[in-house]
Amino acid sequence: MAWLETEVLIVGGGVLGTAVARELARYRVDVTLVEKEVDFGWGSTKANMCIVCQGADALEFRPEYRRSRLVWDSVPLMEPLCGELDVPFRRIGELTLIRNSEEMAKYQKLKGRAEKVGFDRLRFIGRDELFEMEPHLNRNVVGALYNPDIAVVDPVRLAIALAENARENGVKTFLETEVEGITSKGEEFEVQTTQGLVKSRFIVNAAGLQVDRVARFLGADDFVLYPVKGYIGILDKNVGELVRHEIHMRPEAPGQMNILCPSVYGNPFFGIVMCLARKGDNSITRRMMDIALVNLRKILPEVSEREVIHSFAGFMMFRNWELGWHECVVQPSRKVPRFINVCIGYPGVSAAPATAKEVVRLLEQEGLKLEENPHFNPSRKAPPVFSELPESEQEELIRKEPRYGHVICRCETVTEAEVIEAIRRGATTLDGVKFRTRAGMGRCQGGYCTPRVVKILARELGISEKEVTKKGKGSPVLLYRSKELLSGADT
């Protein structure tokens, strides 16, 4: 890049930043997006439970808060958006388990609040209907509150798809580009990045966990955010046969969310055990996992620890620890004109479509002139997913491209052709391939496919296998060849 001039600079390539970029692509506006990671959606976006909610199904729902409104307004937008972008979207419904009369009273109040704002889809179901819907649940419940509209998506694929579509419509995107400083020079900003200087009239700060740091460069941090870490576990696909809906049980201790939820691919997620933490501390503890497992078995007693195939910690930014995820930051800075701060926290994925529209409205309010782009194309075609195709279509693909017949990842049935297509579309790392194809996300967690994906990455990128990384700089997959050690060669 070295030097670039643009009208709107978006800082952050998560689901919010990419959604804003795509929304701005509807207009004749010069837009640039910079992301510090090596791929899109690698911050808070990837570290969540993939749930698309309405907000009105949670006890803490308060329609007067901005976050609630943005989640609510996104409800009719998310499914059509995923359809346009060819991103997996699965309607699963939610069952909030009720164990006693006290919980029943709380959820009756919630149902009443939801109906007052026009959401009349919640209904109570008794034990018989509940166990017909979910036969493997713990029997220590009296019923459930059913929300048929809850859905799940793949947040990283959504962010990638939003970025691809924005780019196809003229938005410039730069990865591995971190903001190091911002100065205001009259009617424009000068943004120093690791790849060079960017001049812009407007800035959208959607930097996720770093949103306050980026705002601080200009003194635009007129808000306080608290980083909250949450433990999330992933279960084997065979557990997916035991649960069909998102299951939610009211936690018995603060700092916990007792949720079990199938993903769009069948692997259920469970958690969340939360705590205040230092940014970047993605560590998880045995205690966090034990608490999450105890809570999980209150929902699904049959699950054993052996079914946990992966665990991770995700971060979300809370505006107020007591208000939790009610309030968010989607507003122009009160101190710096034309600088928009954007941070939803939980659930940012659910709120992304309406938030993007709100940010465009705020930019116009700040002086951005909007003229519709007559050439805007909302559609994006995803590459074929071999494992999901009928046999006849698989055979046709193999006839056209024999590498579709070479399975690289046995757990998820990912083929060599799919890995190559992921690289062609921008994957340059092991994790880049993983999040685009699911190679490495199965039961063996990459035990079989990792060396094969490394070879393909090296071949397609024209680098040595030792130069292939897991997630960018500082994360080499291979340190040396064993034969180099035997020969005494310099590694």
Protein backbone atom coordinates (compact mmCIF):
# COMPACT_ATOMS: atom_id res chain seq x y z
CA MET A 1 0.00 0.00 0.00
CA ALA A 2 2.67 2.60 1.09
CA TRP A 3 0.23 5.51 0.54
CA LEU A 4 -3.51 5.62 -0.10
CA GLU A 5 -6.31 8.19 -0.13
CA THR A 6 -9.91 7.15 0.49
CA GLU A 7 -13.20 8.67 1.57
CA VAL A 8 -14.16 6.17 4.29
CA LEU A 9 -11.66 4.02 6.16
CA ILE A 10 -13.02 1.04 8.09
CA VAL A 11 -10.73 -0.31 10.79
CA GLY A 12 -11.50 -3.96 11.51
CA GLY A 13 -12.40 -6.90 9.29
CA GLY A 14 -14.73 -8.79 11.61
CA VAL A 15 -18.40 -9.33 10.88
CA LEU A 16 -19.27 -5.71 11.79
CA GLY A 17 -16.51 -4.09 9.74
CA THR A 18 -17.16 -6.24 6.68
CA ALA A 19 -20.93 -5.71 6.98
CA VAL A 20 -20.38 -1.93 6.99
CA ALA A 21 -18.04 -2.25 4.00
CA ARG A 22 -20.64 -4.17 2.00
CA GLU A 23 -23.41 -1.75 2.96
CA LEU A 24 -21.30 1.21 1.83
CA ALA A 25 -20.61 -0.59 -1.45
CA ARG A 26 -24.26 0.12 -2.33
CA TYR A 27 -23.22 3.75 -2.85
CA ARG A 28 -20.71 5.66 -4.95
CA VAL A 29 -18.25 6.00 -2.09
CA ASP A 30 -14.54 5.22 -2.05
CA VAL A 31 -14.16 2.74 0.81
CA THR A 32 -11.08 1.03 2.25
CA LEU A 33 -11.02 -1.63 4.97
CA VAL A 34 -7.91 -2.57 6.95
CA GLU A 35 -7.60 -5.65 9.18
CA LYS A 36 -4.60 -6.45 11.36
CA GLU A 37 -5.02 -10.24 11.12
CA VAL A 38 -4.11 -12.39 8.14
CA ASP A 39 -7.77 -13.10 7.35
CA PHE A 40 -11.28 -11.77 7.95
CA GLY A 41 -13.32 -12.63 11.03
CA TRP A 42 -10.44 -13.82 13.20
CA GLY A 43 -11.09 -11.69 16.28
CA SER A 44 -14.27 -11.73 18.34
CA THR A 45 -16.21 -12.90 15.27
CA LYS A 46 -14.76 -16.41 15.27
CA ALA A 47 -14.92 -16.82 19.06
CA ASN A 48 -18.65 -17.10 19.63
CA MET A 49 -21.46 -19.66 19.56
CA CYS A 50 -22.80 -18.83 16.07
CA ILE A 51 -26.32 -18.09 17.36
CA VAL A 52 -28.59 -15.66 15.52
CA CYS A 53 -31.01 -14.43 18.17
CA GLN A 54 -33.78 -11.86 18.52
CA GLY A 55 -32.80 -10.59 21.94
CA ALA A 56 -36.45 -10.79 23.02
CA ASP A 57 -35.87 -14.40 24.06
CA ALA A 58 -33.44 -13.46 26.87
CA LEU A 59 -34.40 -12.60 30.44
CA GLU A 60 -32.28 -9.46 30.29
CA PHE A 61 -34.10 -8.15 27.19
CA ARG A 62 -34.81 -4.42 27.48
CA PRO A 63 -36.24 -2.90 24.28
CA GLU A 64 -35.10 0.62 25.24
CA TYR A 65 -31.42 -0.24 24.77
CA ARG A 66 -29.68 0.36 21.44
CA ARG A 67 -28.21 -3.13 21.38
CA SER A 68 -31.68 -4.67 21.72
CA ARG A 69 -33.00 -2.53 18.86
CA LEU A 70 -30.12 -3.44 16.55
CA VAL A 71 -30.52 -7.15 17.24
CA TRP A 72 -34.28 -6.82 16.80
CA ASP A 73 -33.98 -4.89 13.53
CA SER A 74 -31.55 -7.51 12.18
CA VAL A 75 -34.05 -10.35 12.53
CA PRO A 76 -35.69 -9.93 9.09
CA LEU A 77 -32.35 -9.12 7.44
CA MET A 78 -30.07 -12.02 8.39
CA GLU A 79 -31.62 -14.91 6.44
CA PRO A 80 -31.92 -12.96 3.15
CA LEU A 81 -28.36 -11.70 3.65
CA CYS A 82 -27.03 -15.25 4.05
CA GLY A 83 -29.04 -16.25 0.97
CA GLU A 84 -27.48 -13.49 -1.14
CA LEU A 85 -23.99 -14.39 0.05
CA ASP A 86 -24.45 -18.17 -0.13
CA VAL A 87 -23.55 -18.60 3.55
CA PRO A 88 -24.92 -21.51 5.65
CA PHE A 89 -27.98 -20.49 7.71
CA ARG A 90 -29.91 -23.03 9.74
CA ARG A 91 -33.17 -22.38 11.61
CA ILE A 92 -33.13 -24.55 14.74
CA GLY A 93 -35.37 -22.88 17.33
CA GLU A 94 -34.63 -22.44 21.01
CA LEU A 95 -35.90 -24.21 24.13
CA THR A 96 -35.37 -22.38 27.41
CA LEU A 97 -35.79 -25.02 30.11
CA ILE A 98 -37.95 -24.23 33.14
CA ARG A 99 -37.34 -26.12 36.38
CA ASN A 100 -39.72 -24.54 38.90
CA SER A 101 -42.48 -21.99 39.50
CA GLU A 102 -39.99 -19.19 40.15
CA GLU A 103 -38.41 -19.61 36.72
CA MET A 104 -41.87 -19.93 35.16
CA ALA A 105 -42.85 -16.55 36.62
CA LYS A 106 -39.69 -14.91 35.26
CA TYR A 107 -40.26 -16.24 31.76
CA GLN A 108 -43.93 -15.25 31.81
CA LYS A 109 -42.76 -11.67 32.38
CA LEU A 110 -40.26 -12.04 29.54
CA LYS A 111 -42.97 -13.32 27.20
CA GLY A 112 -45.12 -10.34 28.13
CA ARG A 113 -42.29 -7.88 27.40
CA ALA A 114 -41.64 -9.53 24.04
CA GLU A 115 -45.32 -9.34 23.07
CA LYS A 116 -45.42 -5.63 23.90
CA VAL A 117 -42.83 -4.95 21.20
CA GLY A 118 -44.61 -7.14 18.66
CA PHE A 119 -42.84 -10.47 19.10
CA ASP A 120 -45.62 -13.00 19.63
CA ARG A 121 -43.82 -16.17 18.59
CA LEU A 122 -42.78 -17.33 22.07
CA ARG A 123 -44.90 -20.06 23.63
CA PHE A 124 -44.75 -22.33 26.65
CA ILE A 125 -44.66 -26.09 26.14
CA GLY A 126 -45.17 -28.88 28.68
CA ARG A 127 -43.03 -31.89 29.49
CA ASP A 128 -44.65 -34.23 26.97
CA GLU A 129 -44.13 -31.93 24.00
CA LEU A 130 -40.66 -30.96 25.23
CA PHE A 131 -39.41 -34.55 25.46
CA GLU A 132 -40.97 -35.36 22.11
CA MET A 133 -38.91 -32.52 20.63
CA GLU A 134 -35.77 -33.36 22.63
CA PRO A 135 -35.93 -36.93 24.00
CA HIS A 136 -32.43 -36.92 25.54
CA LEU A 137 -32.88 -33.93 27.86
CA ASN A 138 -32.59 -34.02 31.63
CA ARG A 139 -35.99 -34.97 33.10
CA ASN A 140 -35.65 -32.49 35.98
CA VAL A 141 -37.71 -29.80 34.21
CA VAL A 142 -41.39 -28.84 34.18
CA GLY A 143 -41.47 -27.40 30.66
CA ALA A 144 -39.84 -24.85 28.39
CA LEU A 145 -40.29 -21.54 26.64
CA TYR A 146 -40.10 -22.21 22.90
CA ASN A 147 -38.83 -19.71 20.33
CA PRO A 148 -39.10 -21.22 16.82
CA ASP A 149 -37.08 -18.49 15.12
CA ILE A 150 -33.60 -18.90 16.61
CA ALA A 151 -31.01 -19.80 13.97
CA VAL A 152 -27.29 -20.47 13.60
CA VAL A 153 -24.74 -19.29 11.03
CA ASP A 154 -21.02 -19.65 10.44
CA PRO A 155 -19.72 -16.22 11.58
CA VAL A 156 -16.29 -16.48 9.95
CA ARG A 157 -17.69 -17.57 6.60
CA LEU A 158 -20.20 -14.73 6.88
CA ALA A 159 -17.39 -12.20 7.45
CA ILE A 160 -15.39 -13.67 4.56
CA ALA A 161 -18.44 -13.58 2.29
CA LEU A 162 -19.23 -9.97 3.24
CA ALA A 163 -15.63 -8.99 2.50
CA GLU A 164 -15.58 -10.85 -0.83
CA ASN A 165 -18.84 -9.23 -1.93
CA ALA A 166 -17.69 -5.79 -0.80
CA ARG A 167 -14.46 -6.25 -2.74
CA GLU A 168 -16.36 -7.37 -5.86
CA ASN A 169 -18.29 -4.10 -5.59
CA GLY A 170 -15.21 -1.89 -5.40
CA VAL A 171 -14.19 -1.80 -1.73
CA LYS A 172 -10.43 -2.02 -1.19
CA THR A 173 -9.34 -4.44 1.55
CA PHE A 174 -5.93 -4.86 3.18
CA LEU A 175 -5.07 -7.70 5.54
CA GLU A 176 -2.13 -7.78 7.97
CA THR A 177 -2.52 -4.02 8.21
CA GLU A 178 -2.58 -2.74 11.78
CA VAL A 179 -3.32 0.86 12.72
CA GLU A 180 -0.38 2.37 14.62
CA GLY A 181 -1.50 5.97 14.91
CA ILE A 182 -4.09 8.52 13.75
CA THR A 183 -3.85 12.29 13.47
CA SER A 184 -6.49 14.81 12.43
CA LYS A 185 -5.49 17.32 9.75
CA GLY A 186 -8.41 19.68 9.15
CA GLU A 187 -11.04 17.87 7.12
CA GLU A 188 -9.15 14.60 6.88
CA PHE A 189 -7.46 11.96 8.99
CA GLU A 190 -3.98 10.59 8.47
CA VAL A 191 -3.81 6.97 9.57
CA GLN A 192 -0.43 5.35 9.97
CA THR A 193 -0.55 1.57 9.44
CA THR A 194 2.02 -1.20 9.28
CA GLN A 195 1.63 -1.10 5.48
CA GLY A 196 1.80 2.65 5.00
CA LEU A 197 -0.21 5.86 5.28
CA VAL A 198 -3.96 6.15 4.63
CA LYS A 199 -5.73 9.50 4.29
CA SER A 200 -9.50 9.54 4.77
CA ARG A 201 -12.36 11.94 5.51
CA PHE A 202 -14.32 9.47 7.65
CA ILE A 203 -13.29 6.62 9.94
CA VAL A 204 -15.43 3.71 11.08
CA ASN A 205 -13.71 2.15 14.07
CA ALA A 206 -14.92 -1.47 14.18
CA ALA A 207 -11.70 -2.84 15.65
CA GLY A 208 -13.35 -5.29 18.05
CA LEU A 209 -11.24 -5.79 21.16
CA GLN A 210 -9.01 -2.91 20.03
CA VAL A 211 -11.84 -0.42 19.44
CA ASP A 212 -10.89 1.66 22.49
CA ARG A 213 -7.17 1.60 21.61
CA VAL A 214 -7.86 2.85 18.07
CA ALA A 215 -10.21 5.56 19.37
CA ARG A 216 -7.59 6.66 21.89
CA PHE A 217 -5.22 7.77 19.11
CA LEU A 218 -7.51 10.78 18.57
CA GLY A 219 -9.00 11.11 22.03
CA ALA A 220 -12.25 9.70 20.62
CA ASP A 221 -12.58 7.09 23.37
CA ASP A 222 -15.57 8.74 25.06
CA PHE A 223 -16.76 5.38 26.37
CA VAL A 224 -15.52 2.64 28.69
CA LEU A 225 -15.46 -1.03 27.69
CA TYR A 226 -14.63 -4.08 29.77
CA PRO A 227 -13.06 -7.15 28.09
CA VAL A 228 -14.93 -10.28 29.15
CA LYS A 229 -13.56 -13.72 28.37
CA GLY A 230 -15.82 -16.72 27.93
CA TYR A 231 -15.05 -20.44 27.74
CA ILE A 232 -16.76 -22.33 24.90
CA GLY A 233 -16.45 -26.06 24.20
CA ILE A 234 -17.12 -27.96 20.96
CA LEU A 235 -18.55 -31.48 20.96
CA ASP A 236 -18.17 -34.30 18.47
CA LYS A 237 -20.71 -34.54 15.66
CA ASN A 238 -22.19 -37.72 17.14
CA VAL A 239 -23.55 -35.59 20.01
CA GLY A 240 -25.35 -33.57 17.35
CA GLU A 241 -27.68 -36.53 16.97
CA LEU A 242 -28.81 -36.02 20.60
CA VAL A 243 -29.85 -32.37 20.33
CA ARG A 244 -31.91 -30.60 17.66
CA HIS A 245 -32.49 -27.12 19.12
CA GLU A 246 -30.54 -24.50 20.97
CA ILE A 247 -31.08 -25.43 24.62
CA HIS A 248 -30.79 -22.76 27.27
CA MET A 249 -31.00 -23.19 31.03
CA ARG A 250 -30.91 -20.31 33.47
CA PRO A 251 -27.48 -20.37 35.16
CA GLU A 252 -27.26 -20.85 38.90
CA ALA A 253 -24.21 -18.60 39.34
CA PRO A 254 -23.17 -15.19 37.95
CA GLY A 255 -20.76 -15.09 35.03
CA GLN A 256 -22.25 -18.13 33.34
CA MET A 257 -24.54 -18.84 30.38
CA ASN A 258 -25.71 -22.44 30.23
CA ILE A 259 -26.23 -23.05 26.52
CA LEU A 260 -26.04 -26.11 24.28
CA CYS A 261 -26.42 -25.35 20.60
CA PRO A 262 -25.91 -27.27 17.34
CA SER A 263 -23.77 -25.50 14.76
CA VAL A 264 -24.69 -25.30 11.08
CA TYR A 265 -22.37 -28.29 10.56
CA GLY A 266 -23.68 -30.53 13.36
CA ASN A 267 -21.01 -30.04 16.05
CA PRO A 268 -22.78 -28.70 19.17
CA PHE A 269 -21.24 -25.85 21.14
CA PHE A 270 -21.63 -25.50 24.89
CA GLY A 271 -20.75 -22.88 27.52
CA ILE A 272 -20.27 -20.06 28.44
CA VAL A 273 -18.19 -19.50 31.59
CA MET A 274 -17.24 -15.81 31.74
CA CYS A 275 -14.77 -13.66 33.63
CA LEU A 276 -13.12 -10.27 33.33
CA ALA A 277 -9.72 -10.75 31.71
CA ARG A 278 -6.80 -8.98 30.15
CA LYS A 279 -7.09 -8.51 26.39
CA GLY A 280 -5.23 -11.20 24.52
CA ASP A 281 -5.37 -13.69 27.38
CA ASN A 282 -7.05 -16.50 25.46
CA SER A 283 -6.05 -19.13 28.00
CA ILE A 284 -8.63 -21.51 29.42
CA THR A 285 -8.44 -23.30 32.74
CA ARG A 286 -9.46 -26.74 33.91
CA ARG A 287 -11.88 -25.07 36.32
CA MET A 288 -13.67 -23.24 33.47
CA MET A 289 -14.04 -26.49 31.57
CA ASP A 290 -15.29 -28.37 34.65
CA ILE A 291 -17.94 -25.73 35.36
CA ALA A 292 -19.08 -25.79 31.73
CA LEU A 293 -19.28 -29.61 31.75
CA VAL A 294 -21.27 -29.68 35.00
CA ASN A 295 -23.71 -27.18 33.49
CA LEU A 296 -23.85 -29.13 30.23
CA ARG A 297 -24.85 -32.34 32.02
CA LYS A 298 -27.74 -30.49 33.65
CA ILE A 299 -29.10 -30.21 30.12
CA LEU A 300 -27.85 -33.42 28.50
CA PRO A 301 -26.82 -36.04 31.10
CA GLU A 302 -25.50 -38.52 28.50
CA VAL A 303 -22.55 -36.36 27.40
CA SER A 304 -19.10 -37.34 28.62
CA GLU A 305 -15.87 -35.37 28.64
CA ARG A 306 -14.58 -37.65 25.87
CA GLU A 307 -17.02 -35.98 23.47
CA VAL A 308 -15.28 -32.60 23.85
CA ILE A 309 -13.05 -32.26 20.77
CA HIS A 310 -11.98 -28.64 21.19
CA SER A 311 -12.21 -25.72 23.61
CA PHE A 312 -11.43 -22.05 23.23
CA ALA A 313 -11.87 -18.69 24.89
CA GLY A 314 -13.70 -15.88 23.17
CA PHE A 315 -13.77 -12.20 24.10
CA MET A 316 -16.58 -9.68 24.07
CA MET A 317 -16.51 -6.06 25.15
CA PHE A 318 -19.10 -5.02 27.74
CA ARG A 319 -20.10 -1.36 27.94
CA ASN A 320 -21.07 -1.82 31.56
CA TRP A 321 -20.36 -4.89 33.68
CA GLU A 322 -23.68 -4.56 35.51
CA LEU A 323 -25.73 -3.94 32.38
CA GLY A 324 -23.83 -6.72 30.64
CA TRP A 325 -24.56 -6.97 26.95
CA HIS A 326 -27.55 -4.59 26.96
CA GLU A 327 -25.67 -1.49 25.95
CA CYS A 328 -23.23 -1.12 23.09
CA VAL A 329 -21.20 1.51 21.27
CA VAL A 330 -22.55 2.51 17.86
CA GLN A 331 -22.16 6.27 17.75
CA PRO A 332 -20.13 9.18 16.41
CA SER A 333 -17.46 10.39 18.78
CA ARG A 334 -18.63 13.38 20.79
CA LYS A 335 -15.09 14.79 20.59
CA VAL A 336 -13.97 14.01 17.03
CA PRO A 337 -16.24 14.72 14.03
CA ARG A 338 -16.60 12.06 11.29
CA PHE A 339 -15.26 9.31 13.58
CA ILE A 340 -17.76 6.49 14.25
CA ASN A 341 -17.11 3.95 17.01
CA VAL A 342 -18.76 0.55 16.53
CA CYS A 343 -18.70 -2.21 19.15
CA ILE A 344 -21.70 -4.44 19.89
CA GLY A 345 -20.15 -7.04 22.17
CA TYR A 346 -22.62 -9.89 22.53
CA PRO A 347 -24.23 -10.80 20.16
CA GLY A 348 -22.44 -8.86 17.47
CA VAL A 349 -23.13 -11.40 14.73
CA SER A 350 -26.90 -11.19 15.33
CA ALA A 351 -26.84 -7.39 15.20
CA ALA A 352 -24.50 -7.01 12.21
CA PRO A 353 -27.03 -6.39 9.37
CA ALA A 354 -28.91 -3.58 11.13
CA THR A 355 -25.71 -2.16 12.63
CA ALA A 356 -24.24 -1.76 9.14
CA LYS A 357 -27.28 0.23 8.03
CA GLU A 358 -27.15 2.33 11.20
CA VAL A 359 -23.47 3.15 10.63
CA VAL A 360 -24.19 4.28 7.07
CA ARG A 361 -26.98 6.51 8.43
CA LEU A 362 -24.58 7.99 10.99
CA LEU A 363 -21.95 8.61 8.30
CA GLU A 364 -24.51 10.49 6.22
CA GLN A 365 -25.46 12.45 9.32
CA GLU A 366 -21.77 13.33 9.75
CA GLY A 367 -21.60 14.69 6.20
CA LEU A 368 -20.94 11.73 3.88
CA LYS A 369 -22.76 12.21 0.57
CA LEU A 370 -24.53 9.03 -0.54
CA GLU A 371 -25.42 8.32 -4.15
CA GLU A 372 -26.66 4.85 -5.05
CA ASN A 373 -24.30 2.60 -6.97
CA PRO A 374 -26.31 1.32 -9.96
CA HIS A 375 -23.81 -1.49 -10.51
CA PHE A 376 -24.00 -2.93 -6.98
CA ASN A 377 -24.29 -6.72 -7.11
CA PRO A 378 -25.55 -8.21 -3.81
CA SER A 379 -24.87 -11.81 -4.79
CA ARG A 380 -21.82 -13.93 -4.08
CA LYS A 381 -21.44 -17.59 -4.99
CA ALA A 382 -19.67 -19.85 -2.49
CA PRO A 383 -17.43 -22.66 -3.73
CA PRO A 384 -19.06 -26.12 -3.73
CA VAL A 385 -18.94 -28.11 -0.49
CA PHE A 386 -18.19 -31.62 -1.74
CA SER A 387 -19.49 -33.48 1.33
CA GLU A 388 -22.92 -31.85 1.08
CA LEU A 389 -23.53 -32.68 -2.59
CA PRO A 390 -25.57 -35.65 -3.86
CA GLU A 391 -23.49 -38.45 -5.32
CA SER A 392 -24.37 -37.56 -8.92
CA GLU A 393 -23.05 -34.00 -8.47
CA GLN A 394 -19.93 -35.29 -6.73
CA GLU A 395 -19.20 -37.55 -9.69
CA GLU A 396 -19.73 -34.66 -12.10
CA LEU A 397 -17.30 -32.47 -10.15
CA ILE A 398 -14.68 -35.22 -10.14
CA ARG A 399 -15.05 -35.63 -13.91
CA LYS A 400 -14.41 -31.90 -14.38
CA GLU A 401 -11.68 -31.64 -11.72
CA PRO A 402 -10.13 -34.95 -10.55
CA ARG A 403 -8.77 -33.33 -7.38
CA TYR A 404 -12.33 -33.34 -6.01
CA GLY A 405 -11.77 -37.08 -5.77
CA HIS A 406 -8.77 -36.70 -3.47
CA VAL A 407 -9.97 -36.42 0.14
CA ILE A 408 -7.54 -34.40 2.29
CA CYS A 409 -9.55 -34.27 5.53
CA ARG A 410 -11.30 -37.53 6.39
CA CYS A 411 -13.26 -36.22 9.39
CA GLU A 412 -15.02 -33.51 7.37
CA THR A 413 -14.58 -35.04 3.87
CA VAL A 414 -12.71 -32.03 2.49
CA THR A 415 -11.07 -32.52 -0.89
CA GLU A 416 -7.86 -31.19 -2.42
CA ALA A 417 -9.85 -29.11 -4.91
CA GLU A 418 -11.68 -27.37 -2.05
CA VAL A 419 -8.39 -26.53 -0.34
CA ILE A 420 -7.02 -25.12 -3.60
CA GLU A 421 -10.15 -23.00 -4.10
CA ALA A 422 -9.84 -21.66 -0.53
CA ILE A 423 -6.26 -20.60 -1.28
CA ARG A 424 -7.34 -19.02 -4.56
CA ARG A 425 -9.90 -16.96 -2.63
CA GLY A 426 -7.37 -15.68 -0.12
CA ALA A 427 -6.39 -18.34 2.43
CA THR A 428 -2.65 -18.21 3.07
CA THR A 429 -2.43 -20.12 6.36
CA LEU A 430 -3.50 -23.40 7.92
CA ASP A 431 -6.28 -21.64 9.85
CA GLY A 432 -7.32 -19.75 6.74
CA VAL A 433 -7.96 -23.06 5.00
CA LYS A 434 -9.62 -24.47 8.13
CA PHE A 435 -12.19 -21.71 8.49
CA ARG A 436 -13.02 -21.78 4.79
CA THR A 437 -13.24 -25.56 4.33
CA ARG A 438 -13.41 -27.12 7.86
CA ALA A 439 -10.27 -29.17 7.16
CA GLY A 440 -8.90 -29.72 10.67
CA MET A 441 -12.17 -29.12 12.53
CA GLY A 442 -13.20 -32.75 12.91
CA ARG A 443 -12.68 -35.37 15.59
CA CYS A 444 -8.92 -35.69 15.05
CA GLN A 445 -8.43 -31.89 15.01
CA GLY A 446 -6.05 -31.95 12.07
CA GLY A 447 -4.10 -35.06 13.02
CA TYR A 448 -4.62 -36.52 9.55
CA CYS A 449 -5.00 -33.51 7.26
CA THR A 450 -2.47 -31.00 8.62
CA PRO A 451 0.62 -32.32 6.73
CA ARG A 452 -1.46 -32.62 3.56
CA VAL A 453 -2.82 -29.08 3.81
CA VAL A 454 0.69 -27.76 4.53
CA LYS A 455 1.97 -29.38 1.33
CA ILE A 456 -0.85 -27.89 -0.74
CA LEU A 457 -0.36 -24.42 0.77
CA ALA A 458 3.38 -24.53 0.03
CA ARG A 459 2.79 -25.70 -3.52
CA GLU A 460 0.03 -23.20 -4.36
CA LEU A 461 1.71 -20.21 -2.68
CA GLY A 462 5.14 -21.02 -4.10
CA ILE A 463 6.84 -21.18 -0.70
CA SER A 464 8.64 -23.88 1.26
CA GLU A 465 6.72 -26.01 3.72
CA LYS A 466 8.71 -24.43 6.56
CA GLU A 467 7.28 -21.03 5.56
CA VAL A 468 3.68 -22.19 6.00
CA THR A 469 2.13 -20.76 9.18
CA LYS A 470 -0.85 -21.63 11.32
CA LYS A 471 -2.21 -18.08 11.55
CA GLY A 472 0.39 -15.67 10.21
CA LYS A 473 3.64 -14.26 11.55
CA GLY A 474 5.09 -16.03 14.56
CA SER A 475 3.13 -19.25 14.13
CA PRO A 476 5.19 -21.63 11.96
CA VAL A 477 3.72 -25.10 11.56
CA LEU A 478 7.11 -26.75 10.93
CA LEU A 479 10.39 -25.67 12.49
CA TYR A 480 12.68 -27.98 10.53
CA ARG A 481 12.86 -31.21 8.55
CA SER A 482 13.97 -34.23 10.56
CA LYS A 483 16.50 -35.15 7.87
CA GLU A 484 18.13 -31.74 8.29
CA LEU A 485 18.82 -32.61 11.91
CA LEU A 486 20.30 -35.95 10.93
CA SER A 487 22.58 -34.34 8.35
CA GLY A 488 23.58 -31.49 10.65
CA ALA A 489 22.30 -28.90 8.18
CA ASP A 490 21.50 -25.38 9.35
CA THR A 491 17.78 -25.27 10.24
